[in-house]
PDB file of N, CA and C in Angstrom:
ATOM      1  N   MET A   1      27.992 -13.680 -17.307  1.00  0.00           N
ATOM      2  CA  MET A   1      26.883 -13.592 -16.382  1.00  0.00           C
ATOM      3  C   MET A   1      25.746 -14.473 -16.888  1.00  0.00           C
ATOM      4  N   THR A   2      25.172 -15.289 -16.029  1.00  0.00           N
ATOM      5  CA  THR A   2      24.087 -16.163 -16.452  1.00  0.00           C
ATOM      6  C   THR A   2      22.783 -15.375 -16.528  1.00  0.00           C
ATOM      7  N   GLU A   3      21.788 -15.971 -17.155  1.00  0.00           N
ATOM      8  CA  GLU A   3      20.466 -15.349 -17.276  1.00  0.00           C
ATOM      9  C   GLU A   3      19.897 -14.999 -15.905  1.00  0.00           C
ATOM     10  N   ALA A   4      20.076 -15.870 -14.922  1.00  0.00           N
ATOM     11  CA  ALA A   4      19.568 -15.613 -13.572  1.00  0.00           C
ATOM     12  C   ALA A   4      20.226 -14.387 -12.948  1.00  0.00           C
ATOM     13  N   ASN A   5      21.479 -14.132 -13.289  1.00  0.00           N
ATOM     14  CA  ASN A   5      22.205 -12.999 -12.717  1.00  0.00           C
ATOM     15  C   ASN A   5      21.834 -11.672 -13.349  1.00  0.00           C
ATOM     16  N   LEU A   6      21.102 -11.690 -14.455  1.00  0.00           N
ATOM     17  CA  LEU A   6      20.737 -10.452 -15.125  1.00  0.00           C
ATOM     18  C   LEU A   6      19.794  -9.600 -14.281  1.00  0.00           C
ATOM     19  N   HIS A   7      19.110 -10.196 -13.346  1.00  0.00           N
ATOM     20  CA  HIS A   7      18.170  -9.463 -12.501  1.00  0.00           C
ATOM     21  C   HIS A   7      18.729  -9.191 -11.113  1.00  0.00           C
ATOM     22  N   ILE A   8      20.032  -9.265 -10.964  1.00  0.00           N
ATOM     23  CA  ILE A   8      20.663  -8.929  -9.692  1.00  0.00           C
ATOM     24  C   ILE A   8      21.210  -7.512  -9.818  1.00  0.00           C
ATOM     25  N   ALA A   9      20.747  -6.640  -8.923  1.00  0.00           N
ATOM     26  CA  ALA A   9      21.180  -5.247  -8.933  1.00  0.00           C
ATOM     27  C   ALA A   9      22.663  -5.141  -8.585  1.00  0.00           C
ATOM     28  N   PHE A  10      23.240  -3.972  -8.829  1.00  0.00           N
ATOM     29  CA  PHE A  10      24.651  -3.746  -8.489  1.00  0.00           C
ATOM     30  C   PHE A  10      24.934  -4.177  -7.053  1.00  0.00           C
ATOM     31  N   CYS A  11      24.005  -3.866  -6.141  1.00  0.00           N
ATOM     32  CA  CYS A  11      24.193  -4.097  -4.704  1.00  0.00           C
ATOM     33  C   CYS A  11      23.827  -5.507  -4.259  1.00  0.00           C
ATOM     34  N   GLY A  12      23.297  -6.319  -5.169  1.00  0.00           N
ATOM     35  CA  GLY A  12      22.944  -7.688  -4.822  1.00  0.00           C
ATOM     36  C   GLY A  12      21.463  -7.926  -4.606  1.00  0.00           C
ATOM     37  N   LEU A  13      20.649  -6.878  -4.681  1.00  0.00           N
ATOM     38  CA  LEU A  13      19.202  -7.096  -4.583  1.00  0.00           C
ATOM     39  C   LEU A  13      18.750  -7.953  -5.757  1.00  0.00           C
ATOM     40  N   ASP A  14      17.752  -8.795  -5.515  1.00  0.00           N
ATOM     41  CA  ASP A  14      17.197  -9.649  -6.557  1.00  0.00           C
ATOM     42  C   ASP A  14      15.991  -8.945  -7.169  1.00  0.00           C
ATOM     43  N   CYS A  15      16.191  -8.302  -8.304  1.00  0.00           N
ATOM     44  CA  CYS A  15      15.116  -7.536  -8.942  1.00  0.00           C
ATOM     45  C   CYS A  15      13.926  -8.429  -9.305  1.00  0.00           C
ATOM     46  N   SER A  16      14.180  -9.660  -9.698  1.00  0.00           N
ATOM     47  CA  SER A  16      13.081 -10.531 -10.111  1.00  0.00           C
ATOM     48  C   SER A  16      12.150 -10.869  -8.946  1.00  0.00           C
ATOM     49  N   ALA A  17      12.631 -10.729  -7.712  1.00  0.00           N
ATOM     50  CA  ALA A  17      11.799 -10.980  -6.529  1.00  0.00           C
ATOM     51  C   ALA A  17      11.226  -9.682  -5.941  1.00  0.00           C
ATOM     52  N   CYS A  18      11.628  -8.544  -6.494  1.00  0.00           N
ATOM     53  CA  CYS A  18      11.223  -7.239  -5.971  1.00  0.00           C
ATOM     54  C   CYS A  18       9.769  -6.933  -6.330  1.00  0.00           C
ATOM     55  N   LEU A  19       8.985  -6.539  -5.333  1.00  0.00           N
ATOM     56  CA  LEU A  19       7.580  -6.211  -5.573  1.00  0.00           C
ATOM     57  C   LEU A  19       7.424  -5.017  -6.513  1.00  0.00           C
ATOM     58  N   ILE A  20       8.357  -4.091  -6.468  1.00  0.00           N
ATOM     59  CA  ILE A  20       8.294  -2.924  -7.355  1.00  0.00           C
ATOM     60  C   ILE A  20       8.493  -3.371  -8.802  1.00  0.00           C
ATOM     61  N   TYR A  21       9.465  -4.224  -9.032  1.00  0.00           N
ATOM     62  CA  TYR A  21       9.706  -4.751 -10.376  1.00  0.00           C
ATOM     63  C   TYR A  21       8.513  -5.586 -10.836  1.00  0.00           C
ATOM     64  N   LYS A  22       7.992  -6.415  -9.951  1.00  0.00           N
ATOM     65  CA  LYS A  22       6.834  -7.237 -10.306  1.00  0.00           C
ATOM     66  C   LYS A  22       5.639  -6.363 -10.674  1.00  0.00           C
ATOM     67  N   ALA A  23       5.435  -5.259  -9.942  1.00  0.00           N
ATOM     68  CA  ALA A  23       4.345  -4.335 -10.259  1.00  0.00           C
ATOM     69  C   ALA A  23       4.592  -3.669 -11.613  1.00  0.00           C
ATOM     70  N   THR A  24       5.832  -3.377 -11.917  1.00  0.00           N
ATOM     71  CA  THR A  24       6.188  -2.741 -13.185  1.00  0.00           C
ATOM     72  C   THR A  24       5.814  -3.623 -14.368  1.00  0.00           C
ATOM     73  N   ILE A  25       6.086  -4.908 -14.268  1.00  0.00           N
ATOM     74  CA  ILE A  25       5.851  -5.804 -15.402  1.00  0.00           C
ATOM     75  C   ILE A  25       4.458  -6.434 -15.399  1.00  0.00           C
ATOM     76  N   GLU A  26       3.691  -6.223 -14.334  1.00  0.00           N
ATOM     77  CA  GLU A  26       2.351  -6.812 -14.220  1.00  0.00           C
ATOM     78  C   GLU A  26       1.394  -6.149 -15.215  1.00  0.00           C
ATOM     79  N   PRO A  27       0.776  -6.944 -16.109  1.00  0.00           N
ATOM     80  CA  PRO A  27      -0.144  -6.356 -17.090  1.00  0.00           C
ATOM     81  C   PRO A  27      -1.540  -6.028 -16.525  1.00  0.00           C
ATOM     82  N   ASP A  28      -1.958  -6.752 -15.500  1.00  0.00           N
ATOM     83  CA  ASP A  28      -3.291  -6.549 -14.934  1.00  0.00           C
ATOM     84  C   ASP A  28      -3.288  -5.327 -14.007  1.00  0.00           C
ATOM     85  N   ARG A  29      -4.124  -4.345 -14.292  1.00  0.00           N
ATOM     86  CA  ARG A  29      -4.126  -3.083 -13.532  1.00  0.00           C
ATOM     87  C   ARG A  29      -4.461  -3.286 -12.059  1.00  0.00           C
ATOM     88  N   LEU A  30      -5.426  -4.143 -11.760  1.00  0.00           N
ATOM     89  CA  LEU A  30      -5.799  -4.387 -10.368  1.00  0.00           C
ATOM     90  C   LEU A  30      -4.655  -5.058  -9.614  1.00  0.00           C
ATOM     91  N   GLN A  31      -4.068  -6.050 -10.208  1.00  0.00           N
ATOM     92  CA  GLN A  31      -2.945  -6.746  -9.579  1.00  0.00           C
ATOM     93  C   GLN A  31      -1.766  -5.793  -9.381  1.00  0.00           C
ATOM     94  N   LYS A  32      -1.517  -4.927 -10.375  1.00  0.00           N
ATOM     95  CA  LYS A  32      -0.445  -3.932 -10.288  1.00  0.00           C
ATOM     96  C   LYS A  32      -0.679  -3.029  -9.080  1.00  0.00           C
ATOM     97  N   LYS A  33      -1.927  -2.598  -8.890  1.00  0.00           N
ATOM     98  CA  LYS A  33      -2.266  -1.721  -7.764  1.00  0.00           C
ATOM     99  C   LYS A  33      -2.059  -2.445  -6.430  1.00  0.00           C
ATOM    100  N   LEU A  34      -2.456  -3.711  -6.368  1.00  0.00           N
ATOM    101  CA  LEU A  34      -2.276  -4.495  -5.144  1.00  0.00           C
ATOM    102  C   LEU A  34      -0.789  -4.682  -4.818  1.00  0.00           C
ATOM    103  N   LEU A  35       0.007  -4.923  -5.826  1.00  0.00           N
ATOM    104  CA  LEU A  35       1.451  -5.073  -5.614  1.00  0.00           C
ATOM    105  C   LEU A  35       2.054  -3.771  -5.092  1.00  0.00           C
ATOM    106  N   ARG A  36       1.634  -2.659  -5.659  1.00  0.00           N
ATOM    107  CA  ARG A  36       2.151  -1.357  -5.209  1.00  0.00           C
ATOM    108  C   ARG A  36       1.718  -1.068  -3.776  1.00  0.00           C
ATOM    109  N   LYS A  37       0.523  -1.486  -3.419  1.00  0.00           N
ATOM    110  CA  LYS A  37       0.062  -1.326  -2.030  1.00  0.00           C
ATOM    111  C   LYS A  37       0.954  -2.156  -1.099  1.00  0.00           C
ATOM    112  N   SER A  38       1.317  -3.352  -1.527  1.00  0.00           N
ATOM    113  CA  SER A  38       2.211  -4.200  -0.736  1.00  0.00           C
ATOM    114  C   SER A  38       3.571  -3.535  -0.545  1.00  0.00           C
ATOM    115  N   VAL A  39       4.055  -2.845  -1.576  1.00  0.00           N
ATOM    116  CA  VAL A  39       5.332  -2.136  -1.484  1.00  0.00           C
ATOM    117  C   VAL A  39       5.246  -1.053  -0.416  1.00  0.00           C
ATOM    118  N   VAL A  40       4.157  -0.293  -0.430  1.00  0.00           N
ATOM    119  CA  VAL A  40       3.959   0.769   0.557  1.00  0.00           C
ATOM    120  C   VAL A  40       3.994   0.184   1.971  1.00  0.00           C
ATOM    121  N   GLU A  41       3.321  -0.939   2.172  1.00  0.00           N
ATOM    122  CA  GLU A  41       3.290  -1.592   3.484  1.00  0.00           C
ATOM    123  C   GLU A  41       4.677  -2.079   3.901  1.00  0.00           C
ATOM    124  N   LYS A  42       5.435  -2.645   2.963  1.00  0.00           N
ATOM    125  CA  LYS A  42       6.789  -3.133   3.264  1.00  0.00           C
ATOM    126  C   LYS A  42       7.725  -1.980   3.625  1.00  0.00           C
ATOM    127  N   ILE A  43       7.633  -0.884   2.890  1.00  0.00           N
ATOM    128  CA  ILE A  43       8.480   0.278   3.172  1.00  0.00           C
ATOM    129  C   ILE A  43       8.171   0.813   4.567  1.00  0.00           C
ATOM    130  N   GLN A  44       6.894   0.836   4.904  1.00  0.00           N
ATOM    131  CA  GLN A  44       6.490   1.280   6.246  1.00  0.00           C
ATOM    132  C   GLN A  44       7.050   0.325   7.307  1.00  0.00           C
ATOM    133  N   GLU A  45       6.917  -0.972   7.059  1.00  0.00           N
ATOM    134  CA  GLU A  45       7.361  -1.993   8.015  1.00  0.00           C
ATOM    135  C   GLU A  45       8.878  -1.998   8.198  1.00  0.00           C
ATOM    136  N   ILE A  46       9.621  -1.980   7.100  1.00  0.00           N
ATOM    137  CA  ILE A  46      11.073  -2.118   7.156  1.00  0.00           C
ATOM    138  C   ILE A  46      11.769  -0.808   7.521  1.00  0.00           C
ATOM    139  N   TYR A  47      11.332   0.287   6.886  1.00  0.00           N
ATOM    140  CA  TYR A  47      12.047   1.555   7.042  1.00  0.00           C
ATOM    141  C   TYR A  47      11.312   2.580   7.904  1.00  0.00           C
ATOM    142  N   GLY A  48      10.048   2.290   8.237  1.00  0.00           N
ATOM    143  CA  GLY A  48       9.272   3.230   9.031  1.00  0.00           C
ATOM    144  C   GLY A  48       8.908   4.495   8.275  1.00  0.00           C
ATOM    145  N   ILE A  49       8.897   4.420   6.952  1.00  0.00           N
ATOM    146  CA  ILE A  49       8.603   5.573   6.110  1.00  0.00           C
ATOM    147  C   ILE A  49       7.185   5.432   5.559  1.00  0.00           C
ATOM    148  N   LYS A  50       6.396   6.490   5.721  1.00  0.00           N
ATOM    149  CA  LYS A  50       5.045   6.494   5.168  1.00  0.00           C
ATOM    150  C   LYS A  50       5.069   7.167   3.809  1.00  0.00           C
ATOM    151  N   ILE A  51       4.638   6.404   2.799  1.00  0.00           N
ATOM    152  CA  ILE A  51       4.509   6.955   1.456  1.00  0.00           C
ATOM    153  C   ILE A  51       3.180   6.504   0.883  1.00  0.00           C
ATOM    154  N   SER A  52       2.803   7.075  -0.227  1.00  0.00           N
ATOM    155  CA  SER A  52       1.549   6.703  -0.863  1.00  0.00           C
ATOM    156  C   SER A  52       1.824   5.797  -2.059  1.00  0.00           C
ATOM    157  N   VAL A  53       0.811   5.116  -2.498  1.00  0.00           N
ATOM    158  CA  VAL A  53       0.921   4.222  -3.656  1.00  0.00           C
ATOM    159  C   VAL A  53       1.371   5.022  -4.877  1.00  0.00           C
ATOM    160  N   ARG A  54       0.979   6.282  -4.976  1.00  0.00           N
ATOM    161  CA  ARG A  54       1.383   7.134  -6.111  1.00  0.00           C
ATOM    162  C   ARG A  54       2.902   7.304  -6.185  1.00  0.00           C
ATOM    163  N   ASN A  55       3.579   7.147  -5.052  1.00  0.00           N
ATOM    164  CA  ASN A  55       5.029   7.312  -5.014  1.00  0.00           C
ATOM    165  C   ASN A  55       5.794   6.077  -5.488  1.00  0.00           C
ATOM    166  N   ILE A  56       5.084   5.004  -5.738  1.00  0.00           N
ATOM    167  CA  ILE A  56       5.736   3.780  -6.196  1.00  0.00           C
ATOM    168  C   ILE A  56       5.810   3.828  -7.724  1.00  0.00           C
ATOM    169  N   THR A  57       6.958   4.254  -8.216  1.00  0.00           N
ATOM    170  CA  THR A  57       7.157   4.399  -9.653  1.00  0.00           C
ATOM    171  C   THR A  57       7.657   3.085 -10.261  1.00  0.00           C
ATOM    172  N   ASP A  58       7.528   2.971 -11.561  1.00  0.00           N
ATOM    173  CA  ASP A  58       8.008   1.783 -12.256  1.00  0.00           C
ATOM    174  C   ASP A  58       9.523   1.677 -12.157  1.00  0.00           C
ATOM    175  N   CYS A  59      10.010   0.447 -12.193  1.00  0.00           N
ATOM    176  CA  CYS A  59      11.444   0.208 -12.121  1.00  0.00           C
ATOM    177  C   CYS A  59      11.787  -1.041 -12.926  1.00  0.00           C
ATOM    178  N   ASP A  60      12.757  -0.891 -13.806  1.00  0.00           N
ATOM    179  CA  ASP A  60      13.248  -2.023 -14.595  1.00  0.00           C
ATOM    180  C   ASP A  60      14.551  -2.572 -14.042  1.00  0.00           C
ATOM    181  N   GLY A  61      14.953  -2.090 -12.871  1.00  0.00           N
ATOM    182  CA  GLY A  61      16.202  -2.515 -12.254  1.00  0.00           C
ATOM    183  C   GLY A  61      17.298  -1.498 -12.509  1.00  0.00           C
ATOM    184  N   CYS A  62      18.174  -1.334 -11.545  1.00  0.00           N
ATOM    185  CA  CYS A  62      19.183  -0.267 -11.640  1.00  0.00           C
ATOM    186  C   CYS A  62      20.208  -0.511 -12.728  1.00  0.00           C
ATOM    187  N   ARG A  63      20.319  -1.714 -13.200  1.00  0.00           N
ATOM    188  CA  ARG A  63      21.279  -2.012 -14.270  1.00  0.00           C
ATOM    189  C   ARG A  63      20.667  -1.837 -15.652  1.00  0.00           C
ATOM    190  N   SER A  64      19.353  -1.575 -15.704  1.00  0.00           N
ATOM    191  CA  SER A  64      18.663  -1.496 -16.992  1.00  0.00           C
ATOM    192  C   SER A  64      18.954  -0.213 -17.751  1.00  0.00           C
ATOM    193  N   GLY A  65      19.227   0.868 -17.026  1.00  0.00           N
ATOM    194  CA  GLY A  65      19.477   2.139 -17.685  1.00  0.00           C
ATOM    195  C   GLY A  65      18.213   2.854 -18.108  1.00  0.00           C
ATOM    196  N   SER A  66      17.057   2.332 -17.699  1.00  0.00           N
ATOM    197  CA  SER A  66      15.801   3.004 -18.050  1.00  0.00           C
ATOM    198  C   SER A  66      15.061   3.400 -16.772  1.00  0.00           C
ATOM    199  N   ARG A  67      13.830   2.977 -16.633  1.00  0.00           N
ATOM    200  CA  ARG A  67      13.023   3.390 -15.478  1.00  0.00           C
ATOM    201  C   ARG A  67      13.626   2.889 -14.177  1.00  0.00           C
ATOM    202  N   LEU A  68      13.695   3.804 -13.195  1.00  0.00           N
ATOM    203  CA  LEU A  68      14.277   3.494 -11.896  1.00  0.00           C
ATOM    204  C   LEU A  68      13.319   3.945 -10.803  1.00  0.00           C
ATOM    205  N   PHE A  69      13.104   3.124  -9.801  1.00  0.00           N
ATOM    206  CA  PHE A  69      12.225   3.447  -8.682  1.00  0.00           C
ATOM    207  C   PHE A  69      12.671   4.751  -8.029  1.00  0.00           C
ATOM    208  N   SER A  70      11.733   5.646  -7.805  1.00  0.00           N
ATOM    209  CA  SER A  70      12.058   6.960  -7.239  1.00  0.00           C
ATOM    210  C   SER A  70      12.697   6.855  -5.858  1.00  0.00           C
ATOM    211  N   GLY A  71      12.420   5.791  -5.134  1.00  0.00           N
ATOM    212  CA  GLY A  71      13.024   5.587  -3.822  1.00  0.00           C
ATOM    213  C   GLY A  71      14.518   5.332  -3.890  1.00  0.00           C
ATOM    214  N   CYS A  72      15.026   5.081  -5.078  1.00  0.00           N
ATOM    215  CA  CYS A  72      16.456   4.828  -5.259  1.00  0.00           C
ATOM    216  C   CYS A  72      17.231   6.101  -5.574  1.00  0.00           C
ATOM    217  N   ASP A  73      16.566   7.242  -5.554  1.00  0.00           N
ATOM    218  CA  ASP A  73      17.220   8.509  -5.876  1.00  0.00           C
ATOM    219  C   ASP A  73      18.420   8.797  -4.987  1.00  0.00           C
ATOM    220  N   ASN A  74      18.384   8.344  -3.754  1.00  0.00           N
ATOM    221  CA  ASN A  74      19.474   8.623  -2.815  1.00  0.00           C
ATOM    222  C   ASN A  74      20.494   7.488  -2.726  1.00  0.00           C
ATOM    223  N   CYS A  75      20.383   6.515  -3.584  1.00  0.00           N
ATOM    224  CA  CYS A  75      21.325   5.393  -3.575  1.00  0.00           C
ATOM    225  C   CYS A  75      22.713   5.882  -3.951  1.00  0.00           C
ATOM    226  N   THR A  76      23.696   5.485  -3.170  1.00  0.00           N
ATOM    227  CA  THR A  76      25.081   5.846  -3.478  1.00  0.00           C
ATOM    228  C   THR A  76      25.831   4.687  -4.146  1.00  0.00           C
ATOM    229  N   ILE A  77      25.233   3.519  -4.104  1.00  0.00           N
ATOM    230  CA  ILE A  77      25.890   2.334  -4.658  1.00  0.00           C
ATOM    231  C   ILE A  77      25.828   2.332  -6.183  1.00  0.00           C
ATOM    232  N   ARG A  78      24.661   2.589  -6.744  1.00  0.00           N
ATOM    233  CA  ARG A  78      24.492   2.570  -8.200  1.00  0.00           C
ATOM    234  C   ARG A  78      25.430   3.548  -8.901  1.00  0.00           C
ATOM    235  N   PRO A  79      25.464   4.837  -8.501  1.00  0.00           N
ATOM    236  CA  PRO A  79      26.375   5.761  -9.196  1.00  0.00           C
ATOM    237  C   PRO A  79      27.844   5.350  -9.086  1.00  0.00           C
ATOM    238  N   CYS A  80      28.206   4.784  -7.957  1.00  0.00           N
ATOM    239  CA  CYS A  80      29.579   4.317  -7.769  1.00  0.00           C
ATOM    240  C   CYS A  80      29.898   3.218  -8.776  1.00  0.00           C
ATOM    241  N   ALA A  81      29.022   2.233  -8.899  1.00  0.00           N
ATOM    242  CA  ALA A  81      29.237   1.124  -9.829  1.00  0.00           C
ATOM    243  C   ALA A  81      29.256   1.614 -11.276  1.00  0.00           C
ATOM    244  N   LEU A  82      28.361   2.546 -11.601  1.00  0.00           N
ATOM    245  CA  LEU A  82      28.333   3.091 -12.958  1.00  0.00           C
ATOM    246  C   LEU A  82      29.617   3.862 -13.268  1.00  0.00           C
ATOM    247  N   ASN A  83      30.086   4.649 -12.314  1.00  0.00           N
ATOM    248  CA  ASN A  83      31.327   5.413 -12.514  1.00  0.00           C
ATOM    249  C   ASN A  83      32.525   4.508 -12.724  1.00  0.00           C
ATOM    250  N   LYS A  84      32.486   3.333 -12.122  1.00  0.00           N
ATOM    251  CA  LYS A  84      33.588   2.381 -12.259  1.00  0.00           C
ATOM    252  C   LYS A  84      33.365   1.427 -13.432  1.00  0.00           C
ATOM    253  N   ASN A  85      32.238   1.613 -14.143  1.00  0.00           N
ATOM    254  CA  ASN A  85      31.896   0.787 -15.300  1.00  0.00           C
ATOM    255  C   ASN A  85      31.822  -0.703 -14.941  1.00  0.00           C
ATOM    256  N   LEU A  86      31.204  -0.983 -13.791  1.00  0.00           N
ATOM    257  CA  LEU A  86      31.071  -2.358 -13.311  1.00  0.00           C
ATOM    258  C   LEU A  86      29.735  -2.959 -13.724  1.00  0.00           C
ATOM    259  N   LYS A  87      29.712  -4.257 -13.970  1.00  0.00           N
ATOM    260  CA  LYS A  87      28.455  -4.959 -14.192  1.00  0.00           C
ATOM    261  C   LYS A  87      27.797  -5.288 -12.862  1.00  0.00           C
ATOM    262  N   SER A  88      28.606  -5.340 -11.816  1.00  0.00           N
ATOM    263  CA  SER A  88      28.134  -5.652 -10.474  1.00  0.00           C
ATOM    264  C   SER A  88      29.193  -5.214  -9.471  1.00  0.00           C
ATOM    265  N   CYS A  89      28.761  -4.851  -8.293  1.00  0.00           N
ATOM    266  CA  CYS A  89      29.703  -4.520  -7.220  1.00  0.00           C
ATOM    267  C   CYS A  89      30.571  -5.722  -6.855  1.00  0.00           C
ATOM    268  N   ALA A  90      30.114  -6.906  -7.206  1.00  0.00           N
ATOM    269  CA  ALA A  90      30.888  -8.118  -6.921  1.00  0.00           C
ATOM    270  C   ALA A  90      32.254  -8.085  -7.581  1.00  0.00           C
ATOM    271  N   TYR A  91      32.384  -7.338  -8.677  1.00  0.00           N
ATOM    272  CA  TYR A  91      33.626  -7.312  -9.431  1.00  0.00           C
ATOM    273  C   TYR A  91      34.524  -6.132  -9.074  1.00  0.00           C
ATOM    274  N   CYS A  92      34.138  -5.371  -8.066  1.00  0.00           N
ATOM    275  CA  CYS A  92      34.912  -4.199  -7.662  1.00  0.00           C
ATOM    276  C   CYS A  92      36.127  -4.626  -6.831  1.00  0.00           C
ATOM    277  N   ILE A  93      37.252  -3.958  -7.035  1.00  0.00           N
ATOM    278  CA  ILE A  93      38.454  -4.287  -6.265  1.00  0.00           C
ATOM    279  C   ILE A  93      38.312  -3.880  -4.799  1.00  0.00           C
ATOM    280  N   GLU A  94      37.353  -3.012  -4.495  1.00  0.00           N
ATOM    281  CA  GLU A  94      37.118  -2.577  -3.116  1.00  0.00           C
ATOM    282  C   GLU A  94      36.021  -3.387  -2.427  1.00  0.00           C
ATOM    283  N   TYR A  95      35.535  -4.441  -3.078  1.00  0.00           N
ATOM    284  CA  TYR A  95      34.449  -5.258  -2.517  1.00  0.00           C
ATOM    285  C   TYR A  95      34.889  -5.983  -1.265  1.00  0.00           C
ATOM    286  N   PRO A  96      34.098  -5.981  -0.213  1.00  0.00           N
ATOM    287  CA  PRO A  96      32.908  -5.159   0.007  1.00  0.00           C
ATOM    288  C   PRO A  96      33.289  -3.823   0.651  1.00  0.00           C
ATOM    289  N   CYS A  97      32.770  -2.759   0.114  1.00  0.00           N
ATOM    290  CA  CYS A  97      33.064  -1.427   0.642  1.00  0.00           C
ATOM    291  C   CYS A  97      32.108  -1.095   1.802  1.00  0.00           C
ATOM    292  N   GLU A  98      32.326   0.033   2.417  1.00  0.00           N
ATOM    293  CA  GLU A  98      31.489   0.456   3.552  1.00  0.00           C
ATOM    294  C   GLU A  98      30.023   0.611   3.144  1.00  0.00           C
ATOM    295  N   LYS A  99      29.789   1.136   1.931  1.00  0.00           N
ATOM    296  CA  LYS A  99      28.411   1.312   1.446  1.00  0.00           C
ATOM    297  C   LYS A  99      27.702  -0.038   1.398  1.00  0.00           C
ATOM    298  N   LEU A 100      28.385  -1.023   0.861  1.00  0.00           N
ATOM    299  CA  LEU A 100      27.786  -2.354   0.754  1.00  0.00           C
ATOM    300  C   LEU A 100      27.613  -3.005   2.116  1.00  0.00           C
ATOM    301  N   LEU A 101      28.581  -2.870   2.976  1.00  0.00           N
ATOM    302  CA  LEU A 101      28.475  -3.480   4.303  1.00  0.00           C
ATOM    303  C   LEU A 101      27.255  -2.951   5.048  1.00  0.00           C
ATOM    304  N   LYS A 102      26.997  -1.661   4.921  1.00  0.00           N
ATOM    305  CA  LYS A 102      25.809  -1.073   5.543  1.00  0.00           C
ATOM    306  C   LYS A 102      24.540  -1.649   4.899  1.00  0.00           C
ATOM    307  N   HIS A 103      24.560  -1.766   3.580  1.00  0.00           N
ATOM    308  CA  HIS A 103      23.421  -2.345   2.841  1.00  0.00           C
ATOM    309  C   HIS A 103      23.188  -3.803   3.252  1.00  0.00           C
ATOM    310  N   PHE A 104      24.250  -4.559   3.426  1.00  0.00           N
ATOM    311  CA  PHE A 104      24.136  -5.971   3.792  1.00  0.00           C
ATOM    312  C   PHE A 104      23.502  -6.164   5.163  1.00  0.00           C
ATOM    313  N   GLU A 105      23.609  -5.171   6.034  1.00  0.00           N
ATOM    314  CA  GLU A 105      22.934  -5.250   7.340  1.00  0.00           C
ATOM    315  C   GLU A 105      21.429  -5.343   7.148  1.00  0.00           C
ATOM    316  N   GLN A 106      20.900  -4.663   6.147  1.00  0.00           N
ATOM    317  CA  GLN A 106      19.471  -4.683   5.846  1.00  0.00           C
ATOM    318  C   GLN A 106      19.090  -5.930   5.044  1.00  0.00           C
ATOM    319  N   ASP A 107      20.011  -6.397   4.193  1.00  0.00           N
ATOM    320  CA  ASP A 107      19.707  -7.517   3.305  1.00  0.00           C
ATOM    321  C   ASP A 107      20.910  -8.451   3.190  1.00  0.00           C
ATOM    322  N   PRO A 108      21.063  -9.363   4.162  1.00  0.00           N
ATOM    323  CA  PRO A 108      22.204 -10.296   4.125  1.00  0.00           C
ATOM    324  C   PRO A 108      22.233 -11.172   2.870  1.00  0.00           C
ATOM    325  N   GLN A 109      21.080 -11.446   2.293  1.00  0.00           N
ATOM    326  CA  GLN A 109      21.050 -12.268   1.075  1.00  0.00           C
ATOM    327  C   GLN A 109      21.697 -11.553  -0.099  1.00  0.00           C
ATOM    328  N   ALA A 110      21.696 -10.217  -0.059  1.00  0.00           N
ATOM    329  CA  ALA A 110      22.347  -9.456  -1.125  1.00  0.00           C
ATOM    330  C   ALA A 110      23.833  -9.809  -1.171  1.00  0.00           C
ATOM    331  N   ARG A 111      24.424  -9.929  -0.010  1.00  0.00           N
ATOM    332  CA  ARG A 111      25.854 -10.297   0.036  1.00  0.00           C
ATOM    333  C   ARG A 111      26.062 -11.705  -0.507  1.00  0.00           C
ATOM    334  N   ALA A 112      25.186 -12.603  -0.145  1.00  0.00           N
ATOM    335  CA  ALA A 112      25.308 -13.976  -0.629  1.00  0.00           C
ATOM    336  C   ALA A 112      25.221 -14.017  -2.160  1.00  0.00           C
ATOM    337  N   ARG A 113      24.320 -13.210  -2.732  1.00  0.00           N
ATOM    338  CA  ARG A 113      24.209 -13.173  -4.193  1.00  0.00           C
ATOM    339  C   ARG A 113      25.488 -12.630  -4.823  1.00  0.00           C
ATOM    340  N   LEU A 114      26.012 -11.538  -4.273  1.00  0.00           N
ATOM    341  CA  LEU A 114      27.241 -10.959  -4.833  1.00  0.00           C
ATOM    342  C   LEU A 114      28.431 -11.890  -4.626  1.00  0.00           C
ATOM    343  N   ASP A 115      28.509 -12.518  -3.456  1.00  0.00           N
ATOM    344  CA  ASP A 115      29.598 -13.471  -3.202  1.00  0.00           C
ATOM    345  C   ASP A 115      29.574 -14.600  -4.233  1.00  0.00           C
ATOM    346  N   SER A 116      28.384 -15.060  -4.602  1.00  0.00           N
ATOM    347  CA  SER A 116      28.285 -16.154  -5.575  1.00  0.00           C
ATOM    348  C   SER A 116      28.772 -15.720  -6.955  1.00  0.00           C
ATOM    349  N   LEU A 117      28.649 -14.423  -7.273  1.00  0.00           N
ATOM    350  CA  LEU A 117      29.154 -13.928  -8.544  1.00  0.00           C
ATOM    351  C   LEU A 117      30.676 -13.899  -8.572  1.00  0.00           C
ATOM    352  N   ARG A 118      31.283 -13.758  -7.407  1.00  0.00           N
ATOM    353  CA  ARG A 118      32.740 -13.645  -7.300  1.00  0.00           C
ATOM    354  C   ARG A 118      33.433 -14.998  -7.477  1.00  0.00           C
ATOM    355  N   LEU A 119      32.703 -16.085  -7.346  1.00  0.00           N
ATOM    356  CA  LEU A 119      33.318 -17.418  -7.432  1.00  0.00           C
ATOM    357  C   LEU A 119      33.861 -17.726  -8.809  1.00  0.00           C
TER     358      LEU A 119
END
């Protein structure tokens, strides 16, 4: 796996481009707060869910094994990949499964990232 691929989640999300991840690593408190506010607005826009800035927890990416965004609590993809001891869903013999296909409807670029890992 290349250095660039280290920030690709099991499902193909690009953690390095994620506002939650960017807020997690941001050292400036004001900038961190602004990034978290942007996350709240995006969640409202994309998913129609109203949450508060307090609900935006730190996240080091689902492959990190440490801090995970609280909004990922209901993710079924991460536990599946962990149970199969995969570095990425791209390497699963069932790729792409129904869980991923549903996810790809929301984020087609996620599939493109995982497909590139399969090459």
